[in-house]
N, C-alpha and C. Protein backbone atom coordinates (compact mmCIF):
# COMPACT_ATOMS: atom_id res chain seq x y z
N MET A 1 -3.80 65.94 -31.84
CA MET A 1 -4.06 64.62 -31.05
C MET A 1 -3.67 64.58 -29.60
N LYS A 2 -4.55 64.44 -28.96
CA LYS A 2 -4.37 64.25 -27.25
C LYS A 2 -3.59 63.32 -26.81
N ARG A 3 -2.79 63.49 -26.00
CA ARG A 3 -1.80 62.71 -25.14
C ARG A 3 -2.59 61.87 -24.08
N SER A 4 -2.65 60.81 -23.83
CA SER A 4 -3.33 60.32 -22.62
C SER A 4 -2.30 60.81 -21.37
N MET A 5 -3.12 60.59 -20.30
CA MET A 5 -2.22 61.31 -19.40
C MET A 5 -2.90 60.14 -17.96
N THR A 6 -1.99 59.75 -17.51
CA THR A 6 -1.84 59.02 -16.25
C THR A 6 -2.23 59.92 -14.81
N LEU A 7 -3.53 59.63 -14.57
CA LEU A 7 -3.93 60.38 -13.26
C LEU A 7 -4.23 59.62 -12.17
N ARG A 8 -3.65 59.78 -11.01
CA ARG A 8 -3.59 59.12 -9.72
C ARG A 8 -4.68 59.96 -8.66
N ILE A 9 -5.75 59.40 -8.31
CA ILE A 9 -6.41 60.38 -7.21
C ILE A 9 -6.00 59.69 -5.96
N ARG A 10 -5.67 60.51 -4.61
CA ARG A 10 -5.45 60.03 -3.52
C ARG A 10 -5.74 61.13 -2.73
N VAL A 11 -5.57 60.24 -1.31
CA VAL A 11 -5.76 61.25 -0.35
C VAL A 11 -4.68 62.17 0.22
N PHE A 12 -5.06 63.72 0.02
CA PHE A 12 -4.16 64.70 0.91
C PHE A 12 -3.19 63.99 1.93
N ASN A 13 -2.09 64.09 1.87
CA ASN A 13 -1.26 63.22 2.93
C ASN A 13 -0.66 64.27 4.13
N ASP A 14 -1.33 65.36 4.02
CA ASP A 14 -0.91 66.27 5.35
C ASP A 14 0.46 66.75 5.35
N SER A 15 1.21 66.68 4.34
CA SER A 15 2.60 66.96 4.01
C SER A 15 2.80 68.60 3.89
N LEU A 16 3.73 69.20 3.99
CA LEU A 16 3.96 70.75 3.55
C LEU A 16 4.02 70.82 1.83
N GLU A 17 4.45 69.66 1.49
CA GLU A 17 4.66 69.79 0.13
C GLU A 17 3.15 69.47 -0.84
N ASP A 18 2.44 68.82 -0.10
CA ASP A 18 0.98 68.75 -0.57
C ASP A 18 0.28 69.94 -0.35
N ALA A 19 0.71 70.62 0.95
CA ALA A 19 -0.07 71.98 1.20
C ALA A 19 0.24 73.00 0.27
N THR A 20 1.50 72.89 0.03
CA THR A 20 2.28 73.96 -0.87
C THR A 20 1.56 73.76 -2.36
N GLN A 21 1.50 72.89 -2.68
CA GLN A 21 1.04 72.41 -4.14
C GLN A 21 -0.62 72.88 -4.25
N LEU A 22 -1.32 72.43 -3.14
CA LEU A 22 -2.87 72.66 -2.90
C LEU A 22 -2.99 74.22 -2.86
N LYS A 23 -2.31 75.10 -2.43
CA LYS A 23 -2.31 76.18 -2.05
C LYS A 23 -2.06 76.88 -3.26
N GLY A 24 -1.07 76.37 -4.00
CA GLY A 24 -0.86 76.96 -5.37
C GLY A 24 -1.88 77.16 -6.49
N ILE A 25 -2.34 75.68 -6.54
CA ILE A 25 -3.69 75.86 -6.99
C ILE A 25 -4.70 76.60 -7.02
N ASP A 26 -4.94 76.43 -5.55
CA ASP A 26 -6.34 77.19 -5.02
C ASP A 26 -5.91 78.75 -5.70
N GLN A 27 -4.80 79.61 -5.49
CA GLN A 27 -4.24 80.73 -5.92
C GLN A 27 -4.55 81.00 -7.19
N LEU A 28 -4.10 80.07 -8.30
CA LEU A 28 -4.34 79.98 -9.75
C LEU A 28 -5.59 80.09 -10.21
N THR A 29 -6.86 79.17 -9.47
CA THR A 29 -7.90 79.12 -9.69
C THR A 29 -9.00 80.22 -9.00
N PHE A 30 -8.78 80.30 -7.79
CA PHE A 30 -9.70 81.27 -6.77
C PHE A 30 -8.79 82.71 -6.44
N GLN A 31 -7.75 82.62 -6.22
CA GLN A 31 -6.95 83.97 -5.83
C GLN A 31 -7.47 84.16 -4.27
N ASP A 32 -7.71 83.46 -3.86
CA ASP A 32 -8.59 83.51 -2.31
C ASP A 32 -7.88 82.66 -1.08
N CYS A 33 -7.15 81.88 -1.36
CA CYS A 33 -6.60 81.33 0.13
C CYS A 33 -5.85 81.93 0.90
N LYS A 34 -6.44 82.42 1.89
CA LYS A 34 -5.70 83.30 3.10
C LYS A 34 -4.54 82.39 4.11
N TYR A 35 -4.90 81.32 4.01
CA TYR A 35 -4.24 80.45 4.83
C TYR A 35 -2.90 79.90 4.68
N SER A 36 -1.88 79.83 5.60
CA SER A 36 -0.61 79.22 5.56
C SER A 36 -0.80 78.01 5.17
N GLU A 37 0.30 77.19 4.75
CA GLU A 37 0.50 75.69 4.47
C GLU A 37 0.16 74.82 5.67
N GLU A 38 0.56 75.57 6.85
CA GLU A 38 0.45 74.67 8.11
C GLU A 38 -1.08 74.72 8.46
N LYS A 39 -1.83 75.99 8.54
CA LYS A 39 -3.19 76.15 8.56
C LYS A 39 -3.92 74.93 7.80
N ILE A 40 -3.52 75.02 6.44
CA ILE A 40 -4.27 73.88 5.48
C ILE A 40 -4.06 72.58 6.18
N ILE A 41 -2.84 72.02 6.29
CA ILE A 41 -2.67 70.92 6.91
C ILE A 41 -3.49 70.47 8.31
N GLU A 42 -3.53 71.42 9.05
CA GLU A 42 -4.56 71.55 10.39
C GLU A 42 -5.93 71.39 9.94
N ILE A 43 -6.30 72.03 9.14
CA ILE A 43 -7.68 72.02 8.51
C ILE A 43 -8.06 70.54 7.92
N ALA A 44 -7.03 69.97 6.91
CA ALA A 44 -7.22 68.77 6.55
C ALA A 44 -7.16 67.62 7.51
N LYS A 45 -6.65 67.85 8.71
CA LYS A 45 -6.58 66.56 9.78
C LYS A 45 -7.87 66.63 10.62
N ASP A 46 -8.49 67.59 10.59
CA ASP A 46 -10.10 67.66 10.87
C ASP A 46 -10.62 66.48 10.35
N GLN A 47 -11.64 65.70 11.37
CA GLN A 47 -11.93 64.35 10.88
C GLN A 47 -13.55 64.69 10.07
N ARG A 48 -13.88 66.09 10.30
CA ARG A 48 -15.04 66.11 9.29
C ARG A 48 -14.64 66.56 7.61
N ASN A 49 -13.35 66.75 7.68
CA ASN A 49 -12.66 67.30 6.42
C ASN A 49 -12.19 65.79 5.67
N LYS A 50 -12.02 65.89 4.25
CA LYS A 50 -11.42 65.00 3.60
C LYS A 50 -11.25 65.75 2.14
N ILE A 51 -9.87 65.60 1.77
CA ILE A 51 -9.39 66.14 0.85
C ILE A 51 -8.54 65.12 -0.03
N PHE A 52 -9.07 65.13 -1.49
CA PHE A 52 -8.62 64.09 -2.15
C PHE A 52 -7.75 65.19 -3.43
N VAL A 53 -6.66 64.52 -3.89
CA VAL A 53 -5.74 65.46 -4.69
C VAL A 53 -5.75 64.58 -6.14
N ALA A 54 -5.69 65.15 -7.24
CA ALA A 54 -5.55 64.22 -8.43
C ALA A 54 -3.97 64.67 -8.86
N GLU A 55 -3.30 63.79 -8.90
CA GLU A 55 -1.79 63.78 -9.22
C GLU A 55 -1.18 63.24 -10.54
N LYS A 56 -0.64 64.02 -11.32
CA LYS A 56 0.00 63.55 -12.66
C LYS A 56 1.74 63.79 -12.46
N ASP A 57 2.30 62.71 -12.50
CA ASP A 57 4.04 62.66 -12.46
C ASP A 57 4.43 63.37 -11.01
N ARG A 58 3.75 62.98 -10.05
CA ARG A 58 3.90 63.33 -8.73
C ARG A 58 3.69 64.89 -8.58
N GLU A 59 2.97 65.56 -9.37
CA GLU A 59 2.51 66.89 -8.93
C GLU A 59 1.29 66.97 -9.05
N ILE A 60 0.71 67.63 -7.96
CA ILE A 60 -0.76 67.99 -7.69
C ILE A 60 -1.27 68.77 -8.79
N VAL A 61 -2.35 68.38 -9.44
CA VAL A 61 -2.92 69.26 -10.43
C VAL A 61 -4.46 69.50 -10.48
N GLY A 62 -5.06 69.04 -9.15
CA GLY A 62 -6.20 69.40 -8.64
C GLY A 62 -6.76 68.94 -7.50
N PHE A 63 -7.65 69.40 -6.82
CA PHE A 63 -8.14 68.62 -5.87
C PHE A 63 -9.47 68.99 -5.46
N ILE A 64 -10.10 68.34 -4.41
CA ILE A 64 -11.41 68.33 -4.00
C ILE A 64 -11.46 68.46 -2.44
N SER A 65 -12.17 69.29 -2.07
CA SER A 65 -12.17 69.31 -0.58
C SER A 65 -13.83 69.11 -0.06
N LEU A 66 -13.92 68.15 0.71
CA LEU A 66 -15.37 67.97 1.04
C LEU A 66 -15.26 68.03 2.73
N LEU A 67 -16.55 68.33 3.14
CA LEU A 67 -16.86 68.38 4.50
C LEU A 67 -18.16 67.60 4.91
N GLN A 68 -17.98 66.78 5.75
CA GLN A 68 -19.21 66.14 6.35
C GLN A 68 -20.29 67.05 7.35
N VAL A 69 -21.53 66.99 6.78
CA VAL A 69 -22.28 67.83 7.82
C VAL A 69 -23.36 66.92 8.19
N GLN A 70 -23.88 67.13 9.45
CA GLN A 70 -24.75 66.40 9.87
C GLN A 70 -25.81 67.38 10.79
N THR A 71 -27.33 67.32 10.51
CA THR A 71 -28.31 67.91 11.39
C THR A 71 -29.48 66.96 11.85
N LEU A 72 -30.17 67.48 12.54
CA LEU A 72 -31.37 66.65 13.15
C LEU A 72 -31.95 66.00 11.95
N HIS A 73 -31.72 66.71 10.68
CA HIS A 73 -32.64 66.15 9.39
C HIS A 73 -31.90 65.37 8.33
N TYR A 74 -30.48 65.44 8.53
CA TYR A 74 -29.93 64.51 7.28
C TYR A 74 -28.43 64.34 7.83
N ARG A 75 -27.57 63.65 7.06
CA ARG A 75 -26.03 63.71 6.91
C ARG A 75 -25.64 63.69 5.62
N GLY A 76 -25.08 64.73 5.37
CA GLY A 76 -24.63 65.08 4.32
C GLY A 76 -23.13 65.23 3.86
N LEU A 77 -22.69 65.30 2.67
CA LEU A 77 -21.13 65.45 2.30
C LEU A 77 -21.23 66.63 1.26
N TRP A 78 -20.28 67.86 1.82
CA TRP A 78 -20.44 69.39 1.06
C TRP A 78 -19.17 69.09 0.23
N VAL A 79 -19.48 69.57 -1.30
CA VAL A 79 -18.28 69.59 -1.76
C VAL A 79 -17.79 70.97 -1.63
N ASP A 80 -17.00 71.34 -0.88
CA ASP A 80 -16.49 72.93 -0.34
C ASP A 80 -15.87 73.50 -1.57
N LEU A 81 -14.85 72.69 -2.09
CA LEU A 81 -14.10 73.53 -3.41
C LEU A 81 -13.63 72.16 -3.96
N ILE A 82 -13.77 72.72 -5.25
CA ILE A 82 -12.97 71.57 -6.35
C ILE A 82 -12.22 72.60 -7.36
N ALA A 83 -11.08 72.25 -7.59
CA ALA A 83 -10.14 73.11 -8.56
C ALA A 83 -9.00 72.36 -9.41
N VAL A 84 -8.93 72.66 -10.25
CA VAL A 84 -8.04 72.06 -11.37
C VAL A 84 -7.12 72.99 -11.88
N ALA A 85 -5.76 73.10 -11.79
CA ALA A 85 -4.68 73.83 -12.28
C ALA A 85 -5.20 74.37 -13.79
N PRO A 86 -5.03 75.36 -14.23
CA PRO A 86 -5.60 75.79 -15.56
C PRO A 86 -4.98 75.32 -16.48
N ALA A 87 -3.51 74.48 -16.50
CA ALA A 87 -2.87 73.94 -17.64
C ALA A 87 -3.74 72.35 -17.98
N TYR A 88 -4.42 71.90 -16.82
CA TYR A 88 -4.88 70.67 -17.04
C TYR A 88 -6.56 70.56 -16.93
N GLN A 89 -6.73 71.74 -17.23
CA GLN A 89 -8.78 71.70 -16.92
C GLN A 89 -9.07 71.44 -18.79
N HIS A 90 -10.54 70.89 -18.55
CA HIS A 90 -10.95 70.30 -19.77
C HIS A 90 -10.48 69.06 -19.96
N MET A 91 -10.10 68.41 -18.91
CA MET A 91 -9.27 66.92 -19.45
C MET A 91 -10.08 66.05 -18.42
N GLY A 92 -11.08 66.29 -18.02
CA GLY A 92 -11.86 65.43 -17.15
C GLY A 92 -11.24 65.15 -15.67
N ILE A 93 -10.56 65.87 -15.15
CA ILE A 93 -10.09 65.88 -13.83
C ILE A 93 -10.89 66.01 -12.87
N ALA A 94 -11.80 67.25 -12.87
CA ALA A 94 -12.76 67.49 -11.93
C ALA A 94 -13.96 66.77 -12.00
N THR A 95 -14.15 66.00 -12.88
CA THR A 95 -15.07 64.93 -13.00
C THR A 95 -14.59 63.67 -12.04
N LYS A 96 -13.32 63.32 -12.30
CA LYS A 96 -12.80 62.16 -11.77
C LYS A 96 -12.64 62.44 -10.29
N LEU A 97 -12.47 63.68 -9.87
CA LEU A 97 -12.51 64.13 -8.50
C LEU A 97 -14.15 64.10 -7.82
N LEU A 98 -14.93 64.57 -8.47
CA LEU A 98 -16.37 64.18 -8.21
C LEU A 98 -16.46 62.95 -7.99
N GLU A 99 -16.27 62.11 -8.85
CA GLU A 99 -16.50 60.75 -8.61
C GLU A 99 -15.87 59.98 -7.34
N GLN A 100 -14.67 60.53 -7.03
CA GLN A 100 -14.02 60.09 -5.88
C GLN A 100 -14.92 60.61 -4.74
N GLY A 101 -15.39 61.86 -4.88
CA GLY A 101 -16.13 62.42 -3.75
C GLY A 101 -17.57 61.46 -3.56
N LYS A 102 -18.06 61.12 -4.69
CA LYS A 102 -19.31 60.28 -4.57
C LYS A 102 -18.90 59.08 -3.82
N GLN A 103 -17.82 58.32 -4.42
CA GLN A 103 -17.56 57.02 -3.80
C GLN A 103 -17.11 57.25 -2.28
N TYR A 104 -16.57 58.20 -1.96
CA TYR A 104 -16.19 58.61 -0.25
C TYR A 104 -17.77 58.62 0.51
N SER A 105 -18.54 59.21 -0.17
CA SER A 105 -20.08 59.41 0.23
C SER A 105 -20.55 58.13 0.43
N GLU A 106 -20.32 57.08 -0.49
CA GLU A 106 -20.95 55.76 -0.22
C GLU A 106 -20.16 55.02 1.02
N GLU A 107 -19.00 55.22 1.25
CA GLU A 107 -18.25 54.80 2.21
C GLU A 107 -19.26 55.36 3.80
N LEU A 108 -19.08 56.61 3.69
CA LEU A 108 -19.64 57.13 4.90
C LEU A 108 -20.94 56.64 5.07
N GLY A 109 -21.89 56.53 3.96
CA GLY A 109 -23.24 56.10 4.22
C GLY A 109 -24.04 57.40 4.38
N VAL A 110 -23.52 58.60 3.66
CA VAL A 110 -24.40 59.92 3.71
C VAL A 110 -25.96 59.86 3.02
N ASP A 111 -26.60 60.81 3.40
CA ASP A 111 -27.90 60.73 2.58
C ASP A 111 -27.77 61.43 1.14
N PHE A 112 -26.82 62.62 1.11
CA PHE A 112 -26.51 63.19 -0.29
C PHE A 112 -25.21 63.66 -0.15
N VAL A 113 -24.97 64.36 -1.62
CA VAL A 113 -23.63 64.92 -1.54
C VAL A 113 -24.09 66.14 -2.34
N SER A 114 -23.94 67.39 -1.68
CA SER A 114 -24.00 68.75 -2.50
C SER A 114 -22.87 69.64 -2.65
N GLY A 115 -23.12 70.49 -3.58
CA GLY A 115 -22.15 71.48 -3.72
C GLY A 115 -22.97 72.99 -4.37
N LEU A 116 -22.18 74.17 -3.76
CA LEU A 116 -22.80 75.45 -4.58
C LEU A 116 -22.07 75.89 -5.54
N VAL A 117 -22.58 75.88 -6.73
CA VAL A 117 -21.62 76.51 -7.70
C VAL A 117 -22.11 77.83 -8.46
N ALA A 118 -21.40 78.68 -8.60
CA ALA A 118 -21.70 79.84 -8.97
C ALA A 118 -22.57 80.05 -10.21
N ILE A 119 -23.61 80.78 -10.32
CA ILE A 119 -24.22 80.92 -11.47
C ILE A 119 -23.53 80.98 -12.84
N GLN A 120 -22.66 82.10 -12.55
CA GLN A 120 -21.78 82.36 -13.94
C GLN A 120 -20.61 81.21 -14.11
N ASN A 121 -20.47 80.21 -13.29
CA ASN A 121 -19.41 79.13 -13.32
C ASN A 121 -20.21 78.04 -14.23
N ILE A 122 -20.14 78.05 -15.45
CA ILE A 122 -20.80 77.20 -16.32
C ILE A 122 -19.97 75.90 -16.40
N GLY A 123 -18.78 75.84 -16.52
CA GLY A 123 -17.74 74.61 -16.61
C GLY A 123 -18.04 73.83 -15.27
N SER A 124 -18.20 74.38 -14.16
CA SER A 124 -18.39 73.78 -12.84
C SER A 124 -19.65 72.97 -12.84
N GLN A 125 -20.94 73.89 -13.53
CA GLN A 125 -22.42 73.22 -13.48
C GLN A 125 -22.38 72.27 -14.40
N GLY A 126 -21.38 72.34 -15.64
CA GLY A 126 -21.44 71.00 -16.49
C GLY A 126 -20.93 69.93 -15.95
N THR A 127 -19.79 70.10 -15.02
CA THR A 127 -19.09 68.98 -14.57
C THR A 127 -19.89 68.38 -13.33
N PHE A 128 -20.57 69.21 -12.53
CA PHE A 128 -21.37 68.48 -11.58
C PHE A 128 -22.73 67.88 -12.42
N LYS A 129 -23.43 68.34 -13.30
CA LYS A 129 -24.35 67.64 -14.21
C LYS A 129 -23.74 66.12 -14.77
N LYS A 130 -22.63 66.37 -15.13
CA LYS A 130 -21.89 65.25 -16.07
C LYS A 130 -21.71 64.02 -14.80
N SER A 131 -21.56 64.28 -13.73
CA SER A 131 -21.35 63.51 -12.83
C SER A 131 -22.65 62.78 -11.90
N GLY A 132 -23.73 63.64 -12.37
CA GLY A 132 -25.15 62.76 -12.03
C GLY A 132 -25.96 63.95 -10.95
N PHE A 133 -25.12 65.15 -10.75
CA PHE A 133 -25.87 66.14 -9.81
C PHE A 133 -26.78 66.74 -10.60
N ARG A 134 -27.84 67.21 -9.92
CA ARG A 134 -28.82 67.91 -10.49
C ARG A 134 -29.20 69.12 -9.50
N PRO A 135 -29.48 70.51 -10.41
CA PRO A 135 -29.78 71.51 -9.57
C PRO A 135 -31.04 71.28 -8.77
N GLN A 136 -31.12 71.96 -7.67
CA GLN A 136 -32.46 71.84 -6.67
C GLN A 136 -33.49 72.51 -7.38
N GLU A 137 -34.70 72.04 -7.40
CA GLU A 137 -35.78 72.69 -8.12
C GLU A 137 -36.43 73.83 -7.04
N LYS A 138 -35.98 73.64 -5.64
CA LYS A 138 -36.56 74.49 -4.60
C LYS A 138 -35.73 75.81 -4.79
N ASP A 139 -36.36 76.80 -4.37
CA ASP A 139 -35.64 78.37 -4.37
C ASP A 139 -35.00 78.62 -3.01
N PHE A 140 -33.54 78.86 -2.96
CA PHE A 140 -33.36 79.35 -1.90
C PHE A 140 -32.35 80.41 -1.71
N ASN A 141 -32.15 81.30 -0.72
CA ASN A 141 -31.09 82.23 -0.83
C ASN A 141 -30.12 82.11 0.14
N LEU A 142 -28.76 82.24 -0.11
CA LEU A 142 -27.81 82.18 0.63
C LEU A 142 -27.47 83.34 1.62
N PHE A 143 -27.71 83.01 2.93
CA PHE A 143 -27.39 84.05 3.84
C PHE A 143 -26.09 83.67 4.40
N VAL A 144 -25.39 84.77 4.42
CA VAL A 144 -23.75 84.79 4.88
C VAL A 144 -23.60 86.19 5.96
N TRP A 145 -22.81 85.84 7.05
CA TRP A 145 -22.31 86.49 7.88
C TRP A 145 -20.84 86.23 7.84
N GLU A 146 -19.91 87.43 7.85
CA GLU A 146 -18.81 87.69 7.78
C GLU A 146 -18.34 88.15 9.18
N ARG A 147 -17.29 87.50 9.58
CA ARG A 147 -16.47 88.30 10.72
C ARG A 147 -15.63 89.64 10.10
N LYS A 148 -15.86 90.55 10.86
CA LYS A 148 -15.15 91.75 10.20
C LYS A 148 -13.70 91.68 10.60
């Protein structure tokens, strides 16, 4: 029998406590965050960025990081990262975070919301599809340049 879970979605509050919990989830899911908690707060304060967290019993169990983009052709919102702590996966939390991102995009009045999902990440693909996203029918290559 599944217990019901009271979940609250809120804006990241730029606190050290939030940054520490966010970094912990990132480390559990991606093992990739190279930034300090202070740098995470600095990034979150950039007006182009918006981070929402999913909280259960005052503990952050997931987050979505969004980035506003604007070019000569469009205004968009990029789902940069979405992560849920392993103990809370498969409970609909990522879907709720994506829905919050879509709601935020409505407030901004952007043309679209997009996210890049790894081909092997079937779970994230399903979450995006469940939230009304669809894969692009166009073929693109992702080109990346990294500073050494």
